[in-house]
């Protein structure tokens, strides 16, 4: 599994744990994604370019 995939699983796991503990609501994530989705796409693209070797 790639490093990005591992980090994504850790982040998702932490979000579910915080939700189960009542410290986090998924509506907060939806609001953040609604606002910042273009930046997320740009970051994924830049990471893809930087990760290519050769």
PDB file of N, CA and C in Angstrom:
ATOM      1  N   UNK A   1       0.849  -1.172   0.000  1.00  0.00           N
ATOM      2  CA  UNK A   1       0.000   0.000   0.000  1.00  0.00           C
ATOM      3  C   UNK A   1       0.899   1.240   0.000  1.00  0.00           C
ATOM      4  N   UNK A   2       0.464   2.237  -0.693  1.00  0.00           N
ATOM      5  CA  UNK A   2       1.254   3.462  -0.769  1.00  0.00           C
ATOM      6  C   UNK A   2       1.213   4.218   0.560  1.00  0.00           C
ATOM      7  N   UNK A   3       2.129   5.139   0.695  1.00  0.00           N
ATOM      8  CA  UNK A   3       2.181   5.952   1.916  1.00  0.00           C
ATOM      9  C   UNK A   3       0.903   6.783   2.058  1.00  0.00           C
ATOM     10  N   UNK A   4       0.408   7.301   0.942  1.00  0.00           N
ATOM     11  CA  UNK A   4      -0.817   8.098   0.978  1.00  0.00           C
ATOM     12  C   UNK A   4      -2.001   7.256   1.461  1.00  0.00           C
ATOM     13  N   UNK A   5      -2.085   6.030   0.964  1.00  0.00           N
ATOM     14  CA  UNK A   5      -3.172   5.143   1.381  1.00  0.00           C
ATOM     15  C   UNK A   5      -3.124   4.841   2.867  1.00  0.00           C
ATOM     16  N   UNK A   6      -1.925   4.629   3.383  1.00  0.00           N
ATOM     17  CA  UNK A   6      -1.766   4.358   4.815  1.00  0.00           C
ATOM     18  C   UNK A   6      -2.181   5.561   5.650  1.00  0.00           C
ATOM     19  N   UNK A   7      -1.756   6.732   5.226  1.00  0.00           N
ATOM     20  CA  UNK A   7      -2.111   7.950   5.963  1.00  0.00           C
ATOM     21  C   UNK A   7      -3.617   8.191   5.894  1.00  0.00           C
ATOM     22  N   UNK A   8      -4.218   7.941   4.741  1.00  0.00           N
ATOM     23  CA  UNK A   8      -5.665   8.123   4.596  1.00  0.00           C
ATOM     24  C   UNK A   8      -6.431   7.198   5.541  1.00  0.00           C
ATOM     25  N   UNK A   9      -5.987   5.951   5.659  1.00  0.00           N
ATOM     26  CA  UNK A   9      -6.647   5.013   6.576  1.00  0.00           C
ATOM     27  C   UNK A   9      -6.517   5.471   8.029  1.00  0.00           C
ATOM     28  N   UNK A  10      -5.366   5.981   8.395  1.00  0.00           N
ATOM     29  CA  UNK A  10      -5.166   6.469   9.761  1.00  0.00           C
ATOM     30  C   UNK A  10      -6.089   7.652  10.044  1.00  0.00           C
ATOM     31  N   UNK A  11      -6.174   8.572   9.095  1.00  0.00           N
ATOM     32  CA  UNK A  11      -7.023   9.754   9.276  1.00  0.00           C
ATOM     33  C   UNK A  11      -8.490   9.351   9.394  1.00  0.00           C
ATOM     34  N   UNK A  12      -8.939   8.469   8.526  1.00  0.00           N
ATOM     35  CA  UNK A  12     -10.338   8.029   8.572  1.00  0.00           C
ATOM     36  C   UNK A  12     -10.624   7.301   9.879  1.00  0.00           C
ATOM     37  N   UNK A  13      -9.694   6.464  10.314  1.00  0.00           N
ATOM     38  CA  UNK A  13      -9.862   5.764  11.582  1.00  0.00           C
ATOM     39  C   UNK A  13      -9.957   6.725  12.757  1.00  0.00           C
ATOM     40  N   UNK A  14      -9.119   7.755  12.754  1.00  0.00           N
ATOM     41  CA  UNK A  14      -9.166   8.755  13.819  1.00  0.00           C
ATOM     42  C   UNK A  14     -10.496   9.508  13.812  1.00  0.00           C
ATOM     43  N   UNK A  15     -10.995   9.830  12.630  1.00  0.00           N
ATOM     44  CA  UNK A  15     -12.284  10.522  12.546  1.00  0.00           C
ATOM     45  C   UNK A  15     -13.413   9.667  13.097  1.00  0.00           C
ATOM     46  N   UNK A  16     -13.430   8.370  12.759  1.00  0.00           N
ATOM     47  CA  UNK A  16     -14.461   7.478  13.296  1.00  0.00           C
ATOM     48  C   UNK A  16     -14.336   7.342  14.813  1.00  0.00           C
ATOM     49  N   UNK A  17     -13.111   7.262  15.328  1.00  0.00           N
ATOM     50  CA  UNK A  17     -12.914   7.169  16.775  1.00  0.00           C
ATOM     51  C   UNK A  17     -13.420   8.419  17.473  1.00  0.00           C
ATOM     52  N   UNK A  18     -13.064   9.584  16.948  1.00  0.00           N
ATOM     53  CA  UNK A  18     -13.534  10.836  17.542  1.00  0.00           C
ATOM     54  C   UNK A  18     -15.052  10.945  17.482  1.00  0.00           C
ATOM     55  N   UNK A  19     -15.651  10.445  16.401  1.00  0.00           N
ATOM     56  CA  UNK A  19     -17.110  10.457  16.283  1.00  0.00           C
ATOM     57  C   UNK A  19     -17.740   9.550  17.332  1.00  0.00           C
ATOM     58  N   UNK A  20     -17.164   8.370  17.534  1.00  0.00           N
ATOM     59  CA  UNK A  20     -17.697   7.445  18.536  1.00  0.00           C
ATOM     60  C   UNK A  20     -17.565   8.005  19.953  1.00  0.00           C
ATOM     61  N   UNK A  21     -16.545   8.792  20.198  1.00  0.00           N
ATOM     62  CA  UNK A  21     -16.336   9.396  21.509  1.00  0.00           C
ATOM     63  C   UNK A  21     -17.168  10.666  21.706  1.00  0.00           C
ATOM     64  N   UNK A  22     -17.850  11.101  20.665  1.00  0.00           N
ATOM     65  CA  UNK A  22     -18.692  12.287  20.754  1.00  0.00           C
ATOM     66  C   UNK A  22     -17.925  13.591  20.666  1.00  0.00           C
ATOM     67  N   UNK A  23     -16.699  13.528  20.181  1.00  0.00           N
ATOM     68  CA  UNK A  23     -15.867  14.728  20.088  1.00  0.00           C
ATOM     69  C   UNK A  23     -15.866  15.347  18.697  1.00  0.00           C
ATOM     70  N   UNK A  24     -16.572  14.717  17.773  1.00  0.00           N
ATOM     71  CA  UNK A  24     -16.498  15.133  16.381  1.00  0.00           C
ATOM     72  C   UNK A  24     -17.802  14.786  15.685  1.00  0.00           C
ATOM     73  N   UNK A  25     -18.244  15.643  14.777  1.00  0.00           N
ATOM     74  CA  UNK A  25     -19.438  15.375  13.975  1.00  0.00           C
ATOM     75  C   UNK A  25     -19.046  15.372  12.502  1.00  0.00           C
ATOM     76  N   UNK A  26     -19.571  14.407  11.748  1.00  0.00           N
ATOM     77  CA  UNK A  26     -19.232  14.304  10.337  1.00  0.00           C
ATOM     78  C   UNK A  26     -19.780  15.460   9.513  1.00  0.00           C
ATOM     79  N   UNK A  27     -20.748  16.180  10.043  1.00  0.00           N
ATOM     80  CA  UNK A  27     -21.249  17.355   9.324  1.00  0.00           C
ATOM     81  C   UNK A  27     -20.146  18.412   9.213  1.00  0.00           C
ATOM     82  N   UNK A  28     -19.213  18.415  10.175  1.00  0.00           N
ATOM     83  CA  UNK A  28     -18.086  19.341  10.101  1.00  0.00           C
ATOM     84  C   UNK A  28     -17.205  19.013   8.908  1.00  0.00           C
ATOM     85  N   UNK A  29     -16.999  17.712   8.643  1.00  0.00           N
ATOM     86  CA  UNK A  29     -16.189  17.299   7.498  1.00  0.00           C
ATOM     87  C   UNK A  29     -16.885  17.684   6.199  1.00  0.00           C
ATOM     88  N   UNK A  30     -18.179  17.481   6.139  1.00  0.00           N
ATOM     89  CA  UNK A  30     -18.926  17.828   4.929  1.00  0.00           C
ATOM     90  C   UNK A  30     -18.807  19.316   4.629  1.00  0.00           C
ATOM     91  N   UNK A  31     -18.879  20.126   5.665  1.00  0.00           N
ATOM     92  CA  UNK A  31     -18.759  21.579   5.475  1.00  0.00           C
ATOM     93  C   UNK A  31     -17.351  21.941   4.999  1.00  0.00           C
ATOM     94  N   UNK A  32     -16.326  21.327   5.574  1.00  0.00           N
ATOM     95  CA  UNK A  32     -14.961  21.598   5.153  1.00  0.00           C
ATOM     96  C   UNK A  32     -14.724  21.164   3.710  1.00  0.00           C
ATOM     97  N   UNK A  33     -15.213  19.975   3.347  1.00  0.00           N
ATOM     98  CA  UNK A  33     -15.042  19.491   1.979  1.00  0.00           C
ATOM     99  C   UNK A  33     -15.764  20.377   0.983  1.00  0.00           C
ATOM    100  N   UNK A  34     -16.936  20.856   1.371  1.00  0.00           N
ATOM    101  CA  UNK A  34     -17.705  21.733   0.483  1.00  0.00           C
ATOM    102  C   UNK A  34     -16.923  23.015   0.184  1.00  0.00           C
ATOM    103  N   UNK A  35     -16.189  23.497   1.160  1.00  0.00           N
ATOM    104  CA  UNK A  35     -15.432  24.731   0.994  1.00  0.00           C
ATOM    105  C   UNK A  35     -14.082  24.503   0.321  1.00  0.00           C
ATOM    106  N   UNK A  36     -13.362  23.452   0.727  1.00  0.00           N
ATOM    107  CA  UNK A  36     -11.956  23.296   0.356  1.00  0.00           C
ATOM    108  C   UNK A  36     -11.688  22.234  -0.698  1.00  0.00           C
ATOM    109  N   UNK A  37     -12.719  21.672  -1.388  1.00  0.00           N
ATOM    110  CA  UNK A  37     -12.464  20.579  -2.328  1.00  0.00           C
ATOM    111  C   UNK A  37     -11.522  20.969  -3.462  1.00  0.00           C
ATOM    112  N   UNK A  38     -11.526  22.209  -3.968  1.00  0.00           N
ATOM    113  CA  UNK A  38     -10.555  22.527  -5.034  1.00  0.00           C
ATOM    114  C   UNK A  38      -9.103  22.434  -4.543  1.00  0.00           C
ATOM    115  N   UNK A  39      -8.852  22.885  -3.327  1.00  0.00           N
ATOM    116  CA  UNK A  39      -7.502  22.811  -2.783  1.00  0.00           C
ATOM    117  C   UNK A  39      -7.067  21.361  -2.593  1.00  0.00           C
ATOM    118  N   UNK A  40      -7.990  20.510  -2.209  1.00  0.00           N
ATOM    119  CA  UNK A  40      -7.681  19.086  -2.054  1.00  0.00           C
ATOM    120  C   UNK A  40      -7.274  18.486  -3.398  1.00  0.00           C
ATOM    121  N   UNK A  41      -7.989  18.829  -4.455  1.00  0.00           N
ATOM    122  CA  UNK A  41      -7.637  18.326  -5.790  1.00  0.00           C
ATOM    123  C   UNK A  41      -6.258  18.812  -6.219  1.00  0.00           C
ATOM    124  N   UNK A  42      -5.970  20.078  -5.955  1.00  0.00           N
ATOM    125  CA  UNK A  42      -4.659  20.628  -6.313  1.00  0.00           C
ATOM    126  C   UNK A  42      -3.558  19.910  -5.535  1.00  0.00           C
ATOM    127  N   UNK A  43      -3.763  19.702  -4.252  1.00  0.00           N
ATOM    128  CA  UNK A  43      -2.755  19.035  -3.423  1.00  0.00           C
ATOM    129  C   UNK A  43      -2.512  17.604  -3.895  1.00  0.00           C
ATOM    130  N   UNK A  44      -3.563  16.887  -4.239  1.00  0.00           N
ATOM    131  CA  UNK A  44      -3.402  15.517  -4.732  1.00  0.00           C
ATOM    132  C   UNK A  44      -2.626  15.522  -6.047  1.00  0.00           C
ATOM    133  N   UNK A  45      -2.901  16.472  -6.916  1.00  0.00           N
ATOM    134  CA  UNK A  45      -2.189  16.570  -8.181  1.00  0.00           C
ATOM    135  C   UNK A  45      -0.713  16.887  -7.992  1.00  0.00           C
ATOM    136  N   UNK A  46      -0.419  17.826  -7.099  1.00  0.00           N
ATOM    137  CA  UNK A  46       0.982  18.182  -6.837  1.00  0.00           C
ATOM    138  C   UNK A  46       1.716  16.997  -6.231  1.00  0.00           C
ATOM    139  N   UNK A  47       1.091  16.320  -5.277  1.00  0.00           N
ATOM    140  CA  UNK A  47       1.726  15.139  -4.675  1.00  0.00           C
ATOM    141  C   UNK A  47       1.964  14.051  -5.705  1.00  0.00           C
ATOM    142  N   UNK A  48       1.037  13.917  -6.655  1.00  0.00           N
ATOM    143  CA  UNK A  48       1.224  12.936  -7.724  1.00  0.00           C
ATOM    144  C   UNK A  48       2.404  13.272  -8.589  1.00  0.00           C
ATOM    145  N   UNK A  49       2.566  14.545  -8.902  1.00  0.00           N
ATOM    146  CA  UNK A  49       3.707  14.968  -9.721  1.00  0.00           C
ATOM    147  C   UNK A  49       5.031  14.789  -8.985  1.00  0.00           C
ATOM    148  N   UNK A  50       5.049  15.132  -7.725  1.00  0.00           N
ATOM    149  CA  UNK A  50       6.265  15.025  -6.931  1.00  0.00           C
ATOM    150  C   UNK A  50       6.645  13.572  -6.655  1.00  0.00           C
ATOM    151  N   UNK A  51       5.640  12.714  -6.606  1.00  0.00           N
ATOM    152  CA  UNK A  51       5.904  11.316  -6.301  1.00  0.00           C
ATOM    153  C   UNK A  51       6.442  10.517  -7.447  1.00  0.00           C
ATOM    154  N   UNK A  52       6.291  11.004  -8.675  1.00  0.00           N
ATOM    155  CA  UNK A  52       6.791  10.269  -9.853  1.00  0.00           C
ATOM    156  C   UNK A  52       8.298  10.376  -9.916  1.00  0.00           C
ATOM    157  N   UNK A  53       8.916   9.239 -10.146  1.00  0.00           N
ATOM    158  CA  UNK A  53      10.379   9.211 -10.249  1.00  0.00           C
ATOM    159  C   UNK A  53      10.747   8.869 -11.687  1.00  0.00           C
ATOM    160  N   UNK A  54      11.497   9.733 -12.277  1.00  0.00           N
ATOM    161  CA  UNK A  54      12.005   9.411 -13.598  1.00  0.00           C
ATOM    162  C   UNK A  54      11.389  10.219 -14.642  1.00  0.00           C
TER     163      UNK A  54
END
